[in-house]
Amino acid sequence: MNTVGDFQAHGSSLISQQDSERTLYPYVTGTSVIGIKYKDGIIMASDMGGSYGSTLRYKGIERLKPVGKHSLLGASGEISDFQEILRNLDELILYDNMWDDGNSLGPKDVHNYLTRMMYNRRNKFNPLWNSLILGGVKNGNKYLGSVSMIGVHYADDHLATGFGNHLARPILRDEWHENLCFMDAVKLLEKCMRVLLYRDRSSINKLQMAWITEEGVTVSPPYALKTFWDFASFHNPTAAAEGSW
């Protein structure tokens, strides 16, 4: 005969199993992603660091991924949750391809799907701890949208997540224009990534860029930016504080 104690023990074990399946706190995280429209398509940039708490534990994490034929996804936040999002997108693209009707999901369709998925997980109090940027090109139309971990979404000509929202967007507001050629777009993103490297402690000097046009997606090999650290204030960082006590 089952006792009340047996039932309570069984119930508590079920609760603990459910809790263990949730990401209660982001452990391994990636920092900012930046995406902009340029003359021929969409281009994104992110570094390849993965922080375990405040420790830069991993230095080869790719956070820019193609989605189907027409879309490119970048993510900051929890890496394991980003992998779960990619798994769901793989199932979505496979299901779409199985119809074999000559049509394929465009970037706006994928952005809408991500919005519903993130908001649904938020309503279950089991969010995916990511901020996403989804860009793509279909039938000559460029699209760039973002989704937060609670499903807040919007589209714009240039977007950034994390510290990039505060440090890179002002640069983009000043220097971005819709007729940017590819090389100018790369230089603009590199300028933003260099500022983030100087200012964001979670950023590393190993980055990737990815771009998408009507011809498809290209992801660059990892590379490092040229930097300059010989500023006078670095030699004596407490100079401005002398006499303050």
Protein backbone atom coordinates (compact mmCIF):
# COMPACT_ATOMS: atom_id res chain seq x y z
CA MET A 1 0.00 0.00 0.00
CA ASN A 2 1.31 3.43 -0.92
CA THR A 3 1.65 5.84 1.96
CA VAL A 4 1.47 9.60 1.95
CA GLY A 5 5.22 9.63 2.49
CA ASP A 6 5.78 7.46 -0.60
CA PHE A 7 3.59 9.79 -2.68
CA GLN A 8 5.39 12.89 -1.43
CA ALA A 9 8.79 11.33 -2.14
CA HIS A 10 7.67 10.30 -5.64
CA GLY A 11 6.22 13.75 -6.30
CA SER A 12 9.36 15.53 -5.16
CA SER A 13 11.52 13.32 -7.40
CA LEU A 14 9.33 14.23 -10.40
CA ILE A 15 9.67 17.92 -9.60
CA SER A 16 13.44 17.63 -9.29
CA GLN A 17 13.61 15.83 -12.66
CA GLN A 18 11.61 18.62 -14.31
CA ASP A 19 13.78 21.29 -12.75
CA SER A 20 16.95 19.60 -13.97
CA GLU A 21 15.73 19.88 -17.57
CA ARG A 22 15.51 23.67 -17.41
CA THR A 23 18.22 26.24 -17.91
CA LEU A 24 17.80 28.06 -14.62
CA TYR A 25 20.88 30.20 -15.11
CA PRO A 26 23.11 30.75 -18.17
CA TYR A 27 26.47 29.05 -17.64
CA VAL A 28 28.42 29.25 -20.91
CA THR A 29 27.54 32.45 -22.75
CA GLY A 30 28.54 34.37 -25.84
CA THR A 31 28.55 38.13 -26.06
CA SER A 32 27.43 40.62 -28.74
CA VAL A 33 26.31 39.92 -32.31
CA ILE A 34 26.03 42.75 -34.84
CA GLY A 35 24.06 42.61 -38.08
CA ILE A 36 23.56 45.21 -40.83
CA LYS A 37 22.05 45.47 -44.26
CA TYR A 38 24.39 46.37 -47.10
CA LYS A 39 23.97 46.90 -50.82
CA ASP A 40 23.78 43.21 -51.79
CA GLY A 41 22.45 41.53 -48.66
CA ILE A 42 22.97 41.06 -44.92
CA ILE A 43 26.27 40.78 -43.05
CA MET A 44 26.84 39.82 -39.41
CA ALA A 45 29.80 39.64 -37.04
CA SER A 46 30.47 38.03 -33.67
CA ASP A 47 33.48 36.95 -31.68
CA MET A 48 34.09 33.30 -30.84
CA GLY A 49 34.41 33.50 -27.07
CA GLY A 50 32.41 31.44 -24.60
CA SER A 51 32.45 32.66 -21.00
CA TYR A 52 32.02 30.22 -18.13
CA GLY A 53 30.83 32.72 -15.56
CA SER A 54 33.46 35.45 -15.77
CA THR A 55 36.11 33.10 -17.16
CA LEU A 56 36.77 33.09 -20.92
CA ARG A 57 36.72 29.30 -21.05
CA TYR A 58 36.11 28.61 -24.76
CA LYS A 59 37.62 30.45 -27.71
CA GLY A 60 36.28 28.65 -30.76
CA ILE A 61 32.48 28.83 -30.52
CA GLU A 62 30.67 29.63 -33.77
CA ARG A 63 27.56 31.72 -33.21
CA LEU A 64 26.66 32.55 -36.83
CA LYS A 65 24.72 29.80 -38.58
CA PRO A 66 22.81 29.47 -41.89
CA VAL A 67 19.12 28.54 -41.66
CA GLY A 68 17.66 27.01 -44.81
CA LYS A 69 18.33 28.67 -48.15
CA HIS A 70 17.56 32.28 -47.37
CA SER A 71 18.43 33.04 -43.74
CA LEU A 72 21.36 33.62 -41.41
CA LEU A 73 21.12 33.46 -37.61
CA GLY A 74 23.37 35.00 -34.95
CA ALA A 75 22.95 34.51 -31.21
CA SER A 76 24.33 35.79 -27.96
CA GLY A 77 23.59 34.25 -24.57
CA GLU A 78 23.55 30.65 -23.38
CA ILE A 79 25.33 28.35 -25.86
CA SER A 80 23.38 25.17 -25.01
CA ASP A 81 20.08 27.02 -25.52
CA PHE A 82 21.36 28.26 -28.89
CA GLN A 83 22.02 24.63 -29.81
CA GLU A 84 18.42 23.80 -28.86
CA ILE A 85 17.18 26.63 -31.09
CA LEU A 86 19.27 25.28 -33.99
CA ARG A 87 17.82 21.81 -33.44
CA ASN A 88 14.27 23.19 -33.63
CA LEU A 89 15.15 25.15 -36.77
CA ASP A 90 16.62 22.03 -38.40
CA GLU A 91 13.30 20.26 -37.79
CA LEU A 92 11.39 23.24 -39.20
CA ILE A 93 13.48 23.37 -42.38
CA LEU A 94 13.27 19.59 -42.83
CA TYR A 95 9.48 19.68 -42.46
CA ASP A 96 9.28 22.53 -44.97
CA ASN A 97 11.47 20.67 -47.48
CA MET A 98 9.32 17.55 -47.20
CA TRP A 99 6.44 19.39 -48.87
CA ASP A 100 8.56 19.56 -52.05
CA ASP A 101 6.33 22.32 -53.42
CA GLY A 102 9.07 24.49 -54.89
CA ASN A 103 8.77 27.04 -52.11
CA SER A 104 11.04 27.57 -49.09
CA LEU A 105 10.85 29.57 -45.88
CA GLY A 106 12.10 33.14 -46.15
CA PRO A 107 13.84 35.16 -43.44
CA LYS A 108 10.62 36.86 -42.30
CA ASP A 109 8.98 33.43 -41.88
CA VAL A 110 11.89 32.16 -39.77
CA HIS A 111 11.89 35.37 -37.72
CA ASN A 112 8.18 34.93 -36.97
CA TYR A 113 8.79 31.32 -35.94
CA LEU A 114 11.60 32.37 -33.57
CA THR A 115 9.38 35.08 -32.07
CA ARG A 116 6.61 32.57 -31.28
CA MET A 117 9.08 30.01 -29.93
CA MET A 118 10.80 32.45 -27.57
CA TYR A 119 7.51 33.89 -26.34
CA ASN A 120 6.05 30.41 -25.83
CA ARG A 121 9.04 29.35 -23.72
CA ARG A 122 8.79 32.57 -21.73
CA ASN A 123 5.12 31.83 -20.94
CA LYS A 124 6.15 28.42 -19.62
CA PHE A 125 8.68 30.11 -17.30
CA ASN A 126 11.34 28.12 -19.12
CA PRO A 127 12.95 30.70 -21.42
CA LEU A 128 15.76 30.14 -23.86
CA TRP A 129 18.47 32.50 -22.57
CA ASN A 130 19.39 34.06 -25.91
CA SER A 131 19.11 37.25 -27.91
CA LEU A 132 18.87 36.51 -31.62
CA ILE A 133 19.45 38.35 -34.88
CA LEU A 134 17.91 36.82 -38.01
CA GLY A 135 18.74 38.18 -41.44
CA GLY A 136 18.27 37.03 -44.97
CA VAL A 137 17.49 37.73 -48.60
CA LYS A 138 14.65 36.27 -50.67
CA ASN A 139 13.38 37.42 -54.06
CA GLY A 140 15.60 40.48 -53.84
CA ASN A 141 14.15 41.61 -50.51
CA LYS A 142 16.54 42.07 -47.57
CA TYR A 143 15.27 41.42 -44.05
CA LEU A 144 16.88 41.90 -40.64
CA GLY A 145 15.10 41.28 -37.34
CA SER A 146 15.87 40.60 -33.69
CA VAL A 147 14.21 38.54 -30.95
CA SER A 148 14.87 38.76 -27.22
CA MET A 149 14.65 35.89 -24.73
CA ILE A 150 11.05 36.87 -23.87
CA GLY A 151 9.88 37.27 -27.46
CA VAL A 152 10.26 41.03 -27.91
CA HIS A 153 10.96 41.50 -31.60
CA TYR A 154 11.44 44.18 -34.23
CA ALA A 155 13.12 44.71 -37.60
CA ASP A 156 15.63 47.42 -38.56
CA ASP A 157 18.45 48.26 -40.96
CA HIS A 158 21.12 47.51 -38.34
CA LEU A 159 20.88 45.54 -35.10
CA ALA A 160 23.06 44.42 -32.21
CA THR A 161 22.71 42.32 -29.06
CA GLY A 162 24.29 42.65 -25.62
CA PHE A 163 26.83 45.44 -25.16
CA GLY A 164 26.64 46.02 -28.89
CA ASN A 165 23.25 47.66 -28.33
CA HIS A 166 24.96 50.35 -26.26
CA LEU A 167 28.40 50.62 -27.88
CA ALA A 168 27.95 49.63 -31.53
CA ARG A 169 24.54 51.03 -32.41
CA PRO A 170 25.64 54.69 -31.97
CA ILE A 171 28.44 54.07 -34.47
CA LEU A 172 26.01 52.42 -36.87
CA ARG A 173 23.53 55.30 -36.56
CA ASP A 174 26.28 57.72 -37.58
CA GLU A 175 27.99 55.76 -40.35
CA TRP A 176 25.55 53.23 -41.83
CA HIS A 177 23.77 53.93 -45.10
CA GLU A 178 21.76 51.69 -47.40
CA ASN A 179 24.26 51.76 -50.30
CA LEU A 180 27.21 50.34 -48.35
CA CYS A 181 29.37 48.14 -50.55
CA PHE A 182 30.66 44.85 -49.16
CA MET A 183 34.12 46.11 -48.17
CA ASP A 184 32.70 49.22 -46.47
CA ALA A 185 30.26 47.02 -44.56
CA VAL A 186 33.13 44.80 -43.38
CA LYS A 187 35.16 47.83 -42.26
CA LEU A 188 32.17 49.24 -40.37
CA LEU A 189 31.56 45.96 -38.55
CA GLU A 190 35.26 45.64 -37.74
CA LYS A 191 35.21 49.12 -36.23
CA CYS A 192 32.27 48.12 -34.02
CA MET A 193 33.91 44.84 -33.01
CA ARG A 194 37.14 46.68 -32.13
CA VAL A 195 35.22 49.04 -29.82
CA LEU A 196 33.56 46.03 -28.18
CA LEU A 197 36.94 44.35 -27.74
CA TYR A 198 38.24 47.42 -25.92
CA ARG A 199 35.16 47.87 -23.74
CA ASP A 200 33.53 44.46 -23.20
CA ARG A 201 35.48 42.16 -20.90
CA SER A 202 33.65 39.12 -22.30
CA SER A 203 34.84 39.83 -25.84
CA ILE A 204 37.93 38.26 -27.42
CA ASN A 205 40.03 39.16 -30.45
CA LYS A 206 38.94 36.19 -32.52
CA LEU A 207 35.89 36.78 -34.66
CA GLN A 208 33.88 35.57 -37.61
CA MET A 209 31.77 37.30 -40.18
CA ALA A 210 28.99 35.81 -42.23
CA TRP A 211 27.00 37.30 -45.08
CA ILE A 212 24.04 36.25 -47.15
CA THR A 213 22.98 37.32 -50.65
CA GLU A 214 20.69 35.85 -53.29
CA GLU A 215 23.53 33.41 -54.08
CA GLY A 216 23.64 31.96 -50.54
CA VAL A 217 25.49 32.14 -47.23
CA THR A 218 29.25 32.54 -46.70
CA VAL A 219 30.91 32.20 -43.30
CA SER A 220 34.45 33.53 -43.02
CA PRO A 221 37.28 31.65 -41.29
CA PRO A 222 38.15 33.02 -37.83
CA TYR A 223 40.57 35.95 -37.79
CA ALA A 224 41.91 38.62 -35.41
CA LEU A 225 41.66 42.41 -35.57
CA LYS A 226 44.62 44.76 -35.46
CA THR A 227 44.47 46.63 -32.17
CA PHE A 228 46.33 49.44 -30.40
CA TRP A 229 46.88 49.39 -26.64
CA ASP A 230 49.67 51.94 -26.22
CA PHE A 231 47.42 54.72 -24.98
CA ALA A 232 48.98 57.09 -22.45
CA SER A 233 46.25 56.45 -19.89
CA PHE A 234 47.08 52.74 -19.92
CA HIS A 235 50.61 53.46 -18.65
CA ASN A 236 49.35 55.25 -15.55
CA PRO A 237 45.65 54.41 -15.11
CA THR A 238 45.41 56.06 -11.66
CA ALA A 239 46.74 59.45 -12.82
CA ALA A 240 43.25 60.98 -13.02
CA ALA A 241 42.50 59.83 -9.47
CA GLU A 242 45.52 61.47 -7.83
CA GLY A 243 44.54 63.96 -5.14
CA SER A 244 40.96 62.73 -4.94
CA TRP A 245 41.41 61.47 -1.39
